[in-house]
Amino acid sequence: MHEYPCALRIIKIAGKYAASDTRVTKIRLTVGKDSGLVAESIRFYFDEISAGTVCAGAELEFDIVTPLLRCKKCGGLFERRPFSFRCDREGCDGEGEPTEIGREFIVDSITVESELYNR
């Protein structure tokens, strides 16, 4: 259910940047797998609450970011494996710690189309 306020915020952001004679056709989002958000739920709420706004019918495009750990020993970034936080770089075997990579929720771009040119 926390996708509802996210969808509402997307519509407000897009509406802020769209001129009155335009409609939003596409919104590109970056969503981390550890953000706690589900892309399909965002899409569902967006479709429901965008009706009657400049975002009605807009396509949502998602870039999903895989979480990465940072090795305390070598500083490298790596994907966590089930039941292991060990660095996978050859000869390192250091312990990984969480990063912010994979927790993102970002509106990357908004594509608009002018109604003046479509009449």
PDB file of N, CA and C in Angstrom:
ATOM      1  N   MET A   1       0.816  -1.196   0.000  1.00  0.00           N
ATOM      2  CA  MET A   1       0.000   0.000   0.000  1.00  0.00           C
ATOM      3  C   MET A   1       0.863   1.265   0.000  1.00  0.00           C
ATOM      4  N   HIS A   2       2.135   1.168   0.374  1.00  0.00           N
ATOM      5  CA  HIS A   2       2.981   2.362   0.374  1.00  0.00           C
ATOM      6  C   HIS A   2       3.367   2.803  -1.036  1.00  0.00           C
ATOM      7  N   GLU A   3       2.954   2.035  -2.070  1.00  0.00           N
ATOM      8  CA  GLU A   3       3.169   2.461  -3.444  1.00  0.00           C
ATOM      9  C   GLU A   3       2.200   3.574  -3.840  1.00  0.00           C
ATOM     10  N   TYR A   4       1.041   3.648  -3.156  1.00  0.00           N
ATOM     11  CA  TYR A   4       0.054   4.684  -3.474  1.00  0.00           C
ATOM     12  C   TYR A   4       0.644   6.091  -3.325  1.00  0.00           C
ATOM     13  N   PRO A   5       1.243   6.450  -2.179  1.00  0.00           N
ATOM     14  CA  PRO A   5       1.809   7.802  -2.078  1.00  0.00           C
ATOM     15  C   PRO A   5       2.962   8.028  -3.060  1.00  0.00           C
ATOM     16  N   CYS A   6       3.672   6.968  -3.417  1.00  0.00           N
ATOM     17  CA  CYS A   6       4.747   7.107  -4.404  1.00  0.00           C
ATOM     18  C   CYS A   6       4.165   7.449  -5.773  1.00  0.00           C
ATOM     19  N   ALA A   7       3.102   6.755  -6.153  1.00  0.00           N
ATOM     20  CA  ALA A   7       2.440   7.037  -7.432  1.00  0.00           C
ATOM     21  C   ALA A   7       1.886   8.459  -7.438  1.00  0.00           C
ATOM     22  N   LEU A   8       1.309   8.873  -6.347  1.00  0.00           N
ATOM     23  CA  LEU A   8       0.775  10.234  -6.236  1.00  0.00           C
ATOM     24  C   LEU A   8       1.896  11.261  -6.388  1.00  0.00           C
ATOM     25  N   ARG A   9       3.029  10.990  -5.774  1.00  0.00           N
ATOM     26  CA  ARG A   9       4.181  11.902  -5.858  1.00  0.00           C
ATOM     27  C   ARG A   9       4.714  11.977  -7.291  1.00  0.00           C
ATOM     28  N   ILE A  10       4.741  10.856  -7.997  1.00  0.00           N
ATOM     29  CA  ILE A  10       5.188  10.832  -9.400  1.00  0.00           C
ATOM     30  C   ILE A  10       4.296  11.755 -10.232  1.00  0.00           C
ATOM     31  N   ILE A  11       2.986  11.650 -10.023  1.00  0.00           N
ATOM     32  CA  ILE A  11       2.038  12.476 -10.771  1.00  0.00           C
ATOM     33  C   ILE A  11       2.245  13.956 -10.452  1.00  0.00           C
ATOM     34  N   LYS A  12       2.477  14.283  -9.190  1.00  0.00           N
ATOM     35  CA  LYS A  12       2.717  15.679  -8.805  1.00  0.00           C
ATOM     36  C   LYS A  12       4.005  16.213  -9.426  1.00  0.00           C
ATOM     37  N   ILE A  13       5.055  15.412  -9.419  1.00  0.00           N
ATOM     38  CA  ILE A  13       6.330  15.828 -10.011  1.00  0.00           C
ATOM     39  C   ILE A  13       6.175  16.045 -11.508  1.00  0.00           C
ATOM     40  N   ALA A  14       5.547  15.092 -12.186  1.00  0.00           N
ATOM     41  CA  ALA A  14       5.360  15.213 -13.637  1.00  0.00           C
ATOM     42  C   ALA A  14       4.476  16.410 -13.971  1.00  0.00           C
ATOM     43  N   GLY A  15       3.421  16.613 -13.203  1.00  0.00           N
ATOM     44  CA  GLY A  15       2.531  17.746 -13.432  1.00  0.00           C
ATOM     45  C   GLY A  15       3.224  19.079 -13.251  1.00  0.00           C
ATOM     46  N   LYS A  16       4.169  19.130 -12.331  1.00  0.00           N
ATOM     47  CA  LYS A  16       4.920  20.353 -12.075  1.00  0.00           C
ATOM     48  C   LYS A  16       5.771  20.752 -13.283  1.00  0.00           C
ATOM     49  N   TYR A  17       6.289  19.759 -14.001  1.00  0.00           N
ATOM     50  CA  TYR A  17       7.179  20.027 -15.117  1.00  0.00           C
ATOM     51  C   TYR A  17       6.493  20.028 -16.473  1.00  0.00           C
ATOM     52  N   ALA A  18       5.247  19.616 -16.536  1.00  0.00           N
ATOM     53  CA  ALA A  18       4.509  19.620 -17.799  1.00  0.00           C
ATOM     54  C   ALA A  18       3.760  20.941 -17.923  1.00  0.00           C
ATOM     55  N   ALA A  19       3.858  21.562 -19.086  1.00  0.00           N
ATOM     56  CA  ALA A  19       3.132  22.812 -19.328  1.00  0.00           C
ATOM     57  C   ALA A  19       1.648  22.502 -19.498  1.00  0.00           C
ATOM     58  N   SER A  20       0.836  23.520 -19.414  1.00  0.00           N
ATOM     59  CA  SER A  20      -0.619  23.322 -19.475  1.00  0.00           C
ATOM     60  C   SER A  20      -1.094  22.796 -20.829  1.00  0.00           C
ATOM     61  N   ASP A  21      -0.319  22.990 -21.895  1.00  0.00           N
ATOM     62  CA  ASP A  21      -0.732  22.521 -23.215  1.00  0.00           C
ATOM     63  C   ASP A  21      -0.057  21.201 -23.604  1.00  0.00           C
ATOM     64  N   THR A  22       0.433  20.463 -22.609  1.00  0.00           N
ATOM     65  CA  THR A  22       1.102  19.193 -22.884  1.00  0.00           C
ATOM     66  C   THR A  22       0.456  18.066 -22.111  1.00  0.00           C
ATOM     67  N   ARG A  23       0.820  16.870 -22.505  1.00  0.00           N
ATOM     68  CA  ARG A  23       0.443  15.696 -21.724  1.00  0.00           C
ATOM     69  C   ARG A  23       1.692  14.854 -21.564  1.00  0.00           C
ATOM     70  N   VAL A  24       1.783  14.170 -20.447  1.00  0.00           N
ATOM     71  CA  VAL A  24       2.930  13.316 -20.161  1.00  0.00           C
ATOM     72  C   VAL A  24       2.698  11.984 -20.875  1.00  0.00           C
ATOM     73  N   THR A  25       3.690  11.548 -21.647  1.00  0.00           N
ATOM     74  CA  THR A  25       3.555  10.291 -22.383  1.00  0.00           C
ATOM     75  C   THR A  25       4.374   9.162 -21.776  1.00  0.00           C
ATOM     76  N   LYS A  26       5.484   9.517 -21.119  1.00  0.00           N
ATOM     77  CA  LYS A  26       6.319   8.476 -20.507  1.00  0.00           C
ATOM     78  C   LYS A  26       7.064   9.038 -19.318  1.00  0.00           C
ATOM     79  N   ILE A  27       7.186   8.211 -18.286  1.00  0.00           N
ATOM     80  CA  ILE A  27       7.973   8.559 -17.100  1.00  0.00           C
ATOM     81  C   ILE A  27       8.918   7.398 -16.837  1.00  0.00           C
ATOM     82  N   ARG A  28      10.191   7.723 -16.744  1.00  0.00           N
ATOM     83  CA  ARG A  28      11.209   6.703 -16.478  1.00  0.00           C
ATOM     84  C   ARG A  28      11.616   6.794 -15.012  1.00  0.00           C
ATOM     85  N   LEU A  29      11.593   5.645 -14.324  1.00  0.00           N
ATOM     86  CA  LEU A  29      11.894   5.572 -12.897  1.00  0.00           C
ATOM     87  C   LEU A  29      13.027   4.601 -12.627  1.00  0.00           C
ATOM     88  N   THR A  30      13.822   4.898 -11.617  1.00  0.00           N
ATOM     89  CA  THR A  30      14.813   3.955 -11.105  1.00  0.00           C
ATOM     90  C   THR A  30      14.319   3.509  -9.736  1.00  0.00           C
ATOM     91  N   VAL A  31      14.178   2.194  -9.578  1.00  0.00           N
ATOM     92  CA  VAL A  31      13.677   1.626  -8.329  1.00  0.00           C
ATOM     93  C   VAL A  31      14.630   0.513  -7.889  1.00  0.00           C
ATOM     94  N   GLY A  32      15.171   0.646  -6.698  1.00  0.00           N
ATOM     95  CA  GLY A  32      16.052  -0.375  -6.149  1.00  0.00           C
ATOM     96  C   GLY A  32      15.253  -1.550  -5.596  1.00  0.00           C
ATOM     97  N   LYS A  33      15.808  -2.726  -5.730  1.00  0.00           N
ATOM     98  CA  LYS A  33      15.141  -3.928  -5.214  1.00  0.00           C
ATOM     99  C   LYS A  33      14.969  -3.878  -3.696  1.00  0.00           C
ATOM    100  N   ASP A  34      15.821  -3.138  -3.004  1.00  0.00           N
ATOM    101  CA  ASP A  34      15.714  -3.002  -1.546  1.00  0.00           C
ATOM    102  C   ASP A  34      14.974  -1.731  -1.118  1.00  0.00           C
ATOM    103  N   SER A  35      14.291  -1.075  -2.053  1.00  0.00           N
ATOM    104  CA  SER A  35      13.553   0.148  -1.717  1.00  0.00           C
ATOM    105  C   SER A  35      12.259  -0.156  -0.981  1.00  0.00           C
ATOM    106  N   GLY A  36      11.817  -1.406  -1.052  1.00  0.00           N
ATOM    107  CA  GLY A  36      10.547  -1.774  -0.442  1.00  0.00           C
ATOM    108  C   GLY A  36       9.369  -1.514  -1.355  1.00  0.00           C
ATOM    109  N   LEU A  37       9.638  -1.093  -2.597  1.00  0.00           N
ATOM    110  CA  LEU A  37       8.577  -0.776  -3.548  1.00  0.00           C
ATOM    111  C   LEU A  37       8.494  -1.848  -4.631  1.00  0.00           C
ATOM    112  N   VAL A  38       7.268  -2.092  -5.087  1.00  0.00           N
ATOM    113  CA  VAL A  38       7.030  -3.084  -6.133  1.00  0.00           C
ATOM    114  C   VAL A  38       6.571  -2.345  -7.381  1.00  0.00           C
ATOM    115  N   ALA A  39       7.312  -2.520  -8.470  1.00  0.00           N
ATOM    116  CA  ALA A  39       7.035  -1.792  -9.705  1.00  0.00           C
ATOM    117  C   ALA A  39       5.594  -1.979 -10.180  1.00  0.00           C
ATOM    118  N   GLU A  40       5.090  -3.187 -10.167  1.00  0.00           N
ATOM    119  CA  GLU A  40       3.731  -3.432 -10.655  1.00  0.00           C
ATOM    120  C   GLU A  40       2.680  -2.761  -9.772  1.00  0.00           C
ATOM    121  N   SER A  41       2.933  -2.647  -8.490  1.00  0.00           N
ATOM    122  CA  SER A  41       2.006  -1.941  -7.603  1.00  0.00           C
ATOM    123  C   SER A  41       2.035  -0.441  -7.877  1.00  0.00           C
ATOM    124  N   ILE A  42       3.226   0.099  -8.125  1.00  0.00           N
ATOM    125  CA  ILE A  42       3.328   1.510  -8.494  1.00  0.00           C
ATOM    126  C   ILE A  42       2.540   1.753  -9.773  1.00  0.00           C
ATOM    127  N   ARG A  43       2.720   0.875 -10.757  1.00  0.00           N
ATOM    128  CA  ARG A  43       2.018   0.999 -12.037  1.00  0.00           C
ATOM    129  C   ARG A  43       0.501   0.954 -11.830  1.00  0.00           C
ATOM    130  N   PHE A  44       0.016   0.032 -10.996  1.00  0.00           N
ATOM    131  CA  PHE A  44      -1.414  -0.097 -10.734  1.00  0.00           C
ATOM    132  C   PHE A  44      -1.977   1.195 -10.157  1.00  0.00           C
ATOM    133  N   TYR A  45      -1.352   1.692  -9.088  1.00  0.00           N
ATOM    134  CA  TYR A  45      -1.839   2.918  -8.457  1.00  0.00           C
ATOM    135  C   TYR A  45      -1.709   4.115  -9.388  1.00  0.00           C
ATOM    136  N   PHE A  46      -0.615   4.189 -10.117  1.00  0.00           N
ATOM    137  CA  PHE A  46      -0.420   5.288 -11.066  1.00  0.00           C
ATOM    138  C   PHE A  46      -1.550   5.311 -12.088  1.00  0.00           C
ATOM    139  N   ASP A  47      -1.856   4.167 -12.673  1.00  0.00           N
ATOM    140  CA  ASP A  47      -2.928   4.100 -13.675  1.00  0.00           C
ATOM    141  C   ASP A  47      -4.270   4.523 -13.087  1.00  0.00           C
ATOM    142  N   GLU A  48      -4.523   4.137 -11.847  1.00  0.00           N
ATOM    143  CA  GLU A  48      -5.799   4.461 -11.205  1.00  0.00           C
ATOM    144  C   GLU A  48      -5.924   5.949 -10.874  1.00  0.00           C
ATOM    145  N   ILE A  49      -4.895   6.537 -10.323  1.00  0.00           N
ATOM    146  CA  ILE A  49      -5.029   7.913  -9.833  1.00  0.00           C
ATOM    147  C   ILE A  49      -4.584   8.979 -10.841  1.00  0.00           C
ATOM    148  N   SER A  50      -4.019   8.572 -11.978  1.00  0.00           N
ATOM    149  CA  SER A  50      -3.605   9.561 -12.981  1.00  0.00           C
ATOM    150  C   SER A  50      -4.752   9.968 -13.907  1.00  0.00           C
ATOM    151  N   ALA A  51      -5.869   9.252 -13.868  1.00  0.00           N
ATOM    152  CA  ALA A  51      -7.020   9.604 -14.711  1.00  0.00           C
ATOM    153  C   ALA A  51      -7.417  11.051 -14.456  1.00  0.00           C
ATOM    154  N   GLY A  52      -7.611  11.789 -15.547  1.00  0.00           N
ATOM    155  CA  GLY A  52      -8.010  13.187 -15.424  1.00  0.00           C
ATOM    156  C   GLY A  52      -6.861  14.151 -15.182  1.00  0.00           C
ATOM    157  N   THR A  53      -5.632  13.650 -15.193  1.00  0.00           N
ATOM    158  CA  THR A  53      -4.454  14.509 -15.017  1.00  0.00           C
ATOM    159  C   THR A  53      -3.642  14.522 -16.310  1.00  0.00           C
ATOM    160  N   VAL A  54      -2.602  15.335 -16.351  1.00  0.00           N
ATOM    161  CA  VAL A  54      -1.731  15.372 -17.538  1.00  0.00           C
ATOM    162  C   VAL A  54      -0.978  14.054 -17.715  1.00  0.00           C
ATOM    163  N   CYS A  55      -1.007  13.199 -16.717  1.00  0.00           N
ATOM    164  CA  CYS A  55      -0.312  11.909 -16.762  1.00  0.00           C
ATOM    165  C   CYS A  55      -1.195  10.756 -17.229  1.00  0.00           C
ATOM    166  N   ALA A  56      -2.478  11.009 -17.469  1.00  0.00           N
ATOM    167  CA  ALA A  56      -3.393   9.937 -17.865  1.00  0.00           C
ATOM    168  C   ALA A  56      -2.867   9.228 -19.108  1.00  0.00           C
ATOM    169  N   GLY A  57      -2.763   7.913 -19.023  1.00  0.00           N
ATOM    170  CA  GLY A  57      -2.299   7.102 -20.149  1.00  0.00           C
ATOM    171  C   GLY A  57      -0.795   7.064 -20.336  1.00  0.00           C
ATOM    172  N   ALA A  58      -0.053   7.729 -19.475  1.00  0.00           N
ATOM    173  CA  ALA A  58       1.412   7.739 -19.607  1.00  0.00           C
ATOM    174  C   ALA A  58       1.988   6.355 -19.321  1.00  0.00           C
ATOM    175  N   GLU A  59       3.053   6.048 -20.008  1.00  0.00           N
ATOM    176  CA  GLU A  59       3.769   4.781 -19.803  1.00  0.00           C
ATOM    177  C   GLU A  59       4.788   4.965 -18.686  1.00  0.00           C
ATOM    178  N   LEU A  60       4.853   4.000 -17.784  1.00  0.00           N
ATOM    179  CA  LEU A  60       5.900   3.995 -16.768  1.00  0.00           C
ATOM    180  C   LEU A  60       6.958   2.999 -17.192  1.00  0.00           C
ATOM    181  N   GLU A  61       8.203   3.436 -17.205  1.00  0.00           N
ATOM    182  CA  GLU A  61       9.323   2.566 -17.556  1.00  0.00           C
ATOM    183  C   GLU A  61      10.226   2.464 -16.335  1.00  0.00           C
ATOM    184  N   PHE A  62      10.551   1.244 -15.945  1.00  0.00           N
ATOM    185  CA  PHE A  62      11.319   1.015 -14.720  1.00  0.00           C
ATOM    186  C   PHE A  62      12.719   0.495 -15.022  1.00  0.00           C
ATOM    187  N   ASP A  63      13.693   1.080 -14.362  1.00  0.00           N
ATOM    188  CA  ASP A  63      15.044   0.528 -14.303  1.00  0.00           C
ATOM    189  C   ASP A  63      15.179  -0.005 -12.885  1.00  0.00           C
ATOM    190  N   ILE A  64      15.346  -1.311 -12.762  1.00  0.00           N
ATOM    191  CA  ILE A  64      15.438  -1.954 -11.450  1.00  0.00           C
ATOM    192  C   ILE A  64      16.918  -2.114 -11.094  1.00  0.00           C
ATOM    193  N   VAL A  65      17.284  -1.646  -9.897  1.00  0.00           N
ATOM    194  CA  VAL A  65      18.685  -1.668  -9.451  1.00  0.00           C
ATOM    195  C   VAL A  65      18.884  -2.785  -8.434  1.00  0.00           C
ATOM    196  N   THR A  66      19.859  -3.627  -8.710  1.00  0.00           N
ATOM    197  CA  THR A  66      20.222  -4.713  -7.810  1.00  0.00           C
ATOM    198  C   THR A  66      21.077  -4.171  -6.665  1.00  0.00           C
ATOM    199  N   PRO A  67      20.769  -4.537  -5.433  1.00  0.00           N
ATOM    200  CA  PRO A  67      21.567  -4.066  -4.296  1.00  0.00           C
ATOM    201  C   PRO A  67      23.015  -4.557  -4.367  1.00  0.00           C
ATOM    202  N   LEU A  68      23.916  -3.704  -3.919  1.00  0.00           N
ATOM    203  CA  LEU A  68      25.336  -4.062  -3.880  1.00  0.00           C
ATOM    204  C   LEU A  68      25.884  -3.840  -2.478  1.00  0.00           C
ATOM    205  N   LEU A  69      26.838  -4.681  -2.124  1.00  0.00           N
ATOM    206  CA  LEU A  69      27.580  -4.545  -0.871  1.00  0.00           C
ATOM    207  C   LEU A  69      28.958  -3.977  -1.192  1.00  0.00           C
ATOM    208  N   ARG A  70      29.571  -3.302  -0.223  1.00  0.00           N
ATOM    209  CA  ARG A  70      30.941  -2.821  -0.378  1.00  0.00           C
ATOM    210  C   ARG A  70      31.838  -3.619   0.563  1.00  0.00           C
ATOM    211  N   CYS A  71      32.915  -4.152   0.005  1.00  0.00           N
ATOM    212  CA  CYS A  71      33.855  -4.948   0.784  1.00  0.00           C
ATOM    213  C   CYS A  71      34.651  -4.044   1.721  1.00  0.00           C
ATOM    214  N   LYS A  72      34.696  -4.424   3.002  1.00  0.00           N
ATOM    215  CA  LYS A  72      35.451  -3.657   3.996  1.00  0.00           C
ATOM    216  C   LYS A  72      36.957  -3.790   3.780  1.00  0.00           C
ATOM    217  N   LYS A  73      37.380  -4.848   3.110  1.00  0.00           N
ATOM    218  CA  LYS A  73      38.809  -5.108   2.919  1.00  0.00           C
ATOM    219  C   LYS A  73      39.353  -4.444   1.647  1.00  0.00           C
ATOM    220  N   CYS A  74      38.707  -4.709   0.495  1.00  0.00           N
ATOM    221  CA  CYS A  74      39.237  -4.190  -0.771  1.00  0.00           C
ATOM    222  C   CYS A  74      38.461  -2.992  -1.311  1.00  0.00           C
ATOM    223  N   GLY A  75      37.281  -2.716  -0.745  1.00  0.00           N
ATOM    224  CA  GLY A  75      36.482  -1.576  -1.189  1.00  0.00           C
ATOM    225  C   GLY A  75      35.644  -1.825  -2.427  1.00  0.00           C
ATOM    226  N   GLY A  76      35.726  -3.030  -2.979  1.00  0.00           N
ATOM    227  CA  GLY A  76      34.961  -3.359  -4.181  1.00  0.00           C
ATOM    228  C   GLY A  76      33.470  -3.530  -3.901  1.00  0.00           C
ATOM    229  N   LEU A  77      32.681  -3.341  -4.949  1.00  0.00           N
ATOM    230  CA  LEU A  77      31.241  -3.554  -4.864  1.00  0.00           C
ATOM    231  C   LEU A  77      30.897  -4.921  -5.433  1.00  0.00           C
ATOM    232  N   PHE A  78      29.942  -5.590  -4.797  1.00  0.00           N
ATOM    233  CA  PHE A  78      29.535  -6.904  -5.295  1.00  0.00           C
ATOM    234  C   PHE A  78      28.113  -7.203  -4.870  1.00  0.00           C
ATOM    235  N   GLU A  79      27.455  -8.084  -5.634  1.00  0.00           N
ATOM    236  CA  GLU A  79      26.102  -8.524  -5.291  1.00  0.00           C
ATOM    237  C   GLU A  79      26.178  -9.523  -4.154  1.00  0.00           C
ATOM    238  N   ARG A  80      25.227  -9.421  -3.244  1.00  0.00           N
ATOM    239  CA  ARG A  80      25.216 -10.385  -2.146  1.00  0.00           C
ATOM    240  C   ARG A  80      24.681 -11.718  -2.672  1.00  0.00           C
ATOM    241  N   ARG A  81      25.189 -12.742  -2.068  1.00  0.00           N
ATOM    242  CA  ARG A  81      24.748 -14.097  -2.401  1.00  0.00           C
ATOM    243  C   ARG A  81      23.972 -14.634  -1.212  1.00  0.00           C
ATOM    244  N   PRO A  82      23.096 -15.584  -1.445  1.00  0.00           N
ATOM    245  CA  PRO A  82      22.328 -16.148  -0.311  1.00  0.00           C
ATOM    246  C   PRO A  82      23.257 -16.648   0.796  1.00  0.00           C
ATOM    247  N   PHE A  83      22.983 -16.234   2.002  1.00  0.00           N
ATOM    248  CA  PHE A  83      23.692 -16.677   3.208  1.00  0.00           C
ATOM    249  C   PHE A  83      25.169 -16.310   3.230  1.00  0.00           C
ATOM    250  N   SER A  84      25.558 -15.291   2.446  1.00  0.00           N
ATOM    251  CA  SER A  84      26.966 -14.907   2.425  1.00  0.00           C
ATOM    252  C   SER A  84      27.125 -13.410   2.181  1.00  0.00           C
ATOM    253  N   PHE A  85      28.007 -12.799   2.965  1.00  0.00           N
ATOM    254  CA  PHE A  85      28.362 -11.404   2.766  1.00  0.00           C
ATOM    255  C   PHE A  85      29.841 -11.301   2.393  1.00  0.00           C
ATOM    256  N   ARG A  86      30.421 -12.394   1.934  1.00  0.00           N
ATOM    257  CA  ARG A  86      31.846 -12.447   1.590  1.00  0.00           C
ATOM    258  C   ARG A  86      32.082 -11.896   0.190  1.00  0.00           C
ATOM    259  N   CYS A  87      33.145 -11.104   0.069  1.00  0.00           N
ATOM    260  CA  CYS A  87      33.540 -10.525  -1.214  1.00  0.00           C
ATOM    261  C   CYS A  87      33.886 -11.643  -2.180  1.00  0.00           C
ATOM    262  N   ASP A  88      33.450 -11.475  -3.421  1.00  0.00           N
ATOM    263  CA  ASP A  88      33.690 -12.523  -4.413  1.00  0.00           C
ATOM    264  C   ASP A  88      34.921 -12.251  -5.281  1.00  0.00           C
ATOM    265  N   ARG A  89      35.694 -11.210  -4.960  1.00  0.00           N
ATOM    266  CA  ARG A  89      36.924 -10.949  -5.728  1.00  0.00           C
ATOM    267  C   ARG A  89      37.993 -11.974  -5.349  1.00  0.00           C
ATOM    268  N   GLU A  90      38.681 -12.417  -6.342  1.00  0.00           N
ATOM    269  CA  GLU A  90      39.695 -13.460  -6.144  1.00  0.00           C
ATOM    270  C   GLU A  90      40.759 -13.000  -5.143  1.00  0.00           C
ATOM    271  N   GLY A  91      40.971 -13.819  -4.135  1.00  0.00           N
ATOM    272  CA  GLY A  91      41.988 -13.553  -3.142  1.00  0.00           C
ATOM    273  C   GLY A  91      41.591 -12.585  -2.045  1.00  0.00           C
ATOM    274  N   CYS A  92      40.383 -12.041  -2.073  1.00  0.00           N
ATOM    275  CA  CYS A  92      39.981 -11.053  -1.065  1.00  0.00           C
ATOM    276  C   CYS A  92      39.291 -11.725   0.112  1.00  0.00           C
ATOM    277  N   ASP A  93      38.116 -12.230  -0.087  1.00  0.00           N
ATOM    278  CA  ASP A  93      37.317 -12.902   0.941  1.00  0.00           C
ATOM    279  C   ASP A  93      36.984 -11.984   2.132  1.00  0.00           C
ATOM    280  N   GLY A  94      36.958 -10.650   1.871  1.00  0.00           N
ATOM    281  CA  GLY A  94      36.573  -9.704   2.920  1.00  0.00           C
ATOM    282  C   GLY A  94      35.069  -9.725   3.154  1.00  0.00           C
ATOM    283  N   GLU A  95      34.653  -9.051   4.200  1.00  0.00           N
ATOM    284  CA  GLU A  95      33.237  -8.990   4.542  1.00  0.00           C
ATOM    285  C   GLU A  95      32.597  -7.758   3.896  1.00  0.00           C
ATOM    286  N   GLY A  96      31.406  -7.950   3.342  1.00  0.00           N
ATOM    287  CA  GLY A  96      30.681  -6.844   2.713  1.00  0.00           C
ATOM    288  C   GLY A  96      29.758  -6.145   3.686  1.00  0.00           C
ATOM    289  N   GLU A  97      29.546  -4.839   3.443  1.00  0.00           N
ATOM    290  CA  GLU A  97      28.593  -4.077   4.236  1.00  0.00           C
ATOM    291  C   GLU A  97      27.597  -3.417   3.281  1.00  0.00           C
ATOM    292  N   PRO A  98      26.377  -3.173   3.745  1.00  0.00           N
ATOM    293  CA  PRO A  98      25.347  -2.589   2.879  1.00  0.00           C
ATOM    294  C   PRO A  98      25.732  -1.202   2.369  1.00  0.00           C
ATOM    295  N   THR A  99      25.218  -0.875   1.201  1.00  0.00           N
ATOM    296  CA  THR A  99      25.367   0.458   0.611  1.00  0.00           C
ATOM    297  C   THR A  99      23.961   0.987   0.310  1.00  0.00           C
ATOM    298  N   GLU A 100      23.895   2.167  -0.214  1.00  0.00           N
ATOM    299  CA  GLU A 100      22.613   2.734  -0.636  1.00  0.00           C
ATOM    300  C   GLU A 100      22.206   2.239  -2.022  1.00  0.00           C
ATOM    301  N   ILE A 101      23.122   1.565  -2.708  1.00  0.00           N
ATOM    302  CA  ILE A 101      22.825   1.046  -4.048  1.00  0.00           C
ATOM    303  C   ILE A 101      21.791  -0.060  -3.922  1.00  0.00           C
ATOM    304  N   GLY A 102      20.668   0.143  -4.581  1.00  0.00           N
ATOM    305  CA  GLY A 102      19.576  -0.819  -4.514  1.00  0.00           C
ATOM    306  C   GLY A 102      18.415  -0.344  -3.676  1.00  0.00           C
ATOM    307  N   ARG A 103      18.536   0.860  -3.098  1.00  0.00           N
ATOM    308  CA  ARG A 103      17.450   1.438  -2.283  1.00  0.00           C
ATOM    309  C   ARG A 103      16.812   2.648  -2.968  1.00  0.00           C
ATOM    310  N   GLU A 104      17.184   2.901  -4.220  1.00  0.00           N
ATOM    311  CA  GLU A 104      16.761   4.094  -4.937  1.00  0.00           C
ATOM    312  C   GLU A 104      15.266   4.114  -5.247  1.00  0.00           C
ATOM    313  N   PHE A 105      14.753   5.318  -5.335  1.00  0.00           N
ATOM    314  CA  PHE A 105      13.442   5.587  -5.926  1.00  0.00           C
ATOM    315  C   PHE A 105      13.562   6.968  -6.542  1.00  0.00           C
ATOM    316  N   ILE A 106      13.784   7.009  -7.862  1.00  0.00           N
ATOM    317  CA  ILE A 106      14.122   8.252  -8.550  1.00  0.00           C
ATOM    318  C   ILE A 106      13.261   8.413  -9.800  1.00  0.00           C
ATOM    319  N   VAL A 107      12.739   9.618 -10.006  1.00  0.00           N
ATOM    320  CA  VAL A 107      12.106   9.957 -11.289  1.00  0.00           C
ATOM    321  C   VAL A 107      13.242  10.450 -12.175  1.00  0.00           C
ATOM    322  N   ASP A 108      13.614   9.634 -13.167  1.00  0.00           N
ATOM    323  CA  ASP A 108      14.758   9.954 -14.018  1.00  0.00           C
ATOM    324  C   ASP A 108      14.409  10.933 -15.132  1.00  0.00           C
ATOM    325  N   SER A 109      13.284  10.678 -15.804  1.00  0.00           N
ATOM    326  CA  SER A 109      12.916  11.552 -16.913  1.00  0.00           C
ATOM    327  C   SER A 109      11.408  11.534 -17.123  1.00  0.00           C
ATOM    328  N   ILE A 110      10.947  12.625 -17.710  1.00  0.00           N
ATOM    329  CA  ILE A 110       9.526  12.796 -18.020  1.00  0.00           C
ATOM    330  C   ILE A 110       9.448  13.214 -19.477  1.00  0.00           C
ATOM    331  N   THR A 111       8.713  12.459 -20.279  1.00  0.00           N
ATOM    332  CA  THR A 111       8.523  12.794 -21.684  1.00  0.00           C
ATOM    333  C   THR A 111       7.131  13.380 -21.861  1.00  0.00           C
ATOM    334  N   VAL A 112       7.079  14.541 -22.509  1.00  0.00           N
ATOM    335  CA  VAL A 112       5.799  15.200 -22.730  1.00  0.00           C
ATOM    336  C   VAL A 112       5.560  15.382 -24.224  1.00  0.00           C
ATOM    337  N   GLU A 113       4.298  15.523 -24.552  1.00  0.00           N
ATOM    338  CA  GLU A 113       3.895  15.751 -25.946  1.00  0.00           C
ATOM    339  C   GLU A 113       2.951  16.939 -25.943  1.00  0.00           C
ATOM    340  N   SER A 114       3.205  17.888 -26.806  1.00  0.00           N
ATOM    341  CA  SER A 114       2.372  19.071 -26.853  1.00  0.00           C
ATOM    342  C   SER A 114       1.063  18.782 -27.567  1.00  0.00           C
ATOM    343  N   GLU A 115      -0.045  19.176 -26.956  1.00  0.00           N
ATOM    344  CA  GLU A 115      -1.366  19.011 -27.563  1.00  0.00           C
ATOM    345  C   GLU A 115      -1.520  19.922 -28.771  1.00  0.00           C
ATOM    346  N   LEU A 116      -0.789  21.032 -28.799  1.00  0.00           N
ATOM    347  CA  LEU A 116      -0.890  21.983 -29.923  1.00  0.00           C
ATOM    348  C   LEU A 116      -0.459  21.342 -31.236  1.00  0.00           C
ATOM    349  N   TYR A 117       0.481  20.441 -31.191  1.00  0.00           N
ATOM    350  CA  TYR A 117       1.013  19.828 -32.394  1.00  0.00           C
ATOM    351  C   TYR A 117       0.280  18.548 -32.795  1.00  0.00           C
ATOM    352  N   ASN A 118      -0.722  18.168 -32.048  1.00  0.00           N
ATOM    353  CA  ASN A 118      -1.436  16.932 -32.330  1.00  0.00           C
ATOM    354  C   ASN A 118      -2.876  17.170 -32.776  1.00  0.00           C
ATOM    355  N   ARG A 119      -3.197  18.383 -33.105  1.00  0.00           N
ATOM    356  CA  ARG A 119      -4.575  18.687 -33.520  1.00  0.00           C
ATOM    357  C   ARG A 119      -4.704  18.690 -35.007  1.00  0.00           C
TER     358      ARG A 119
END
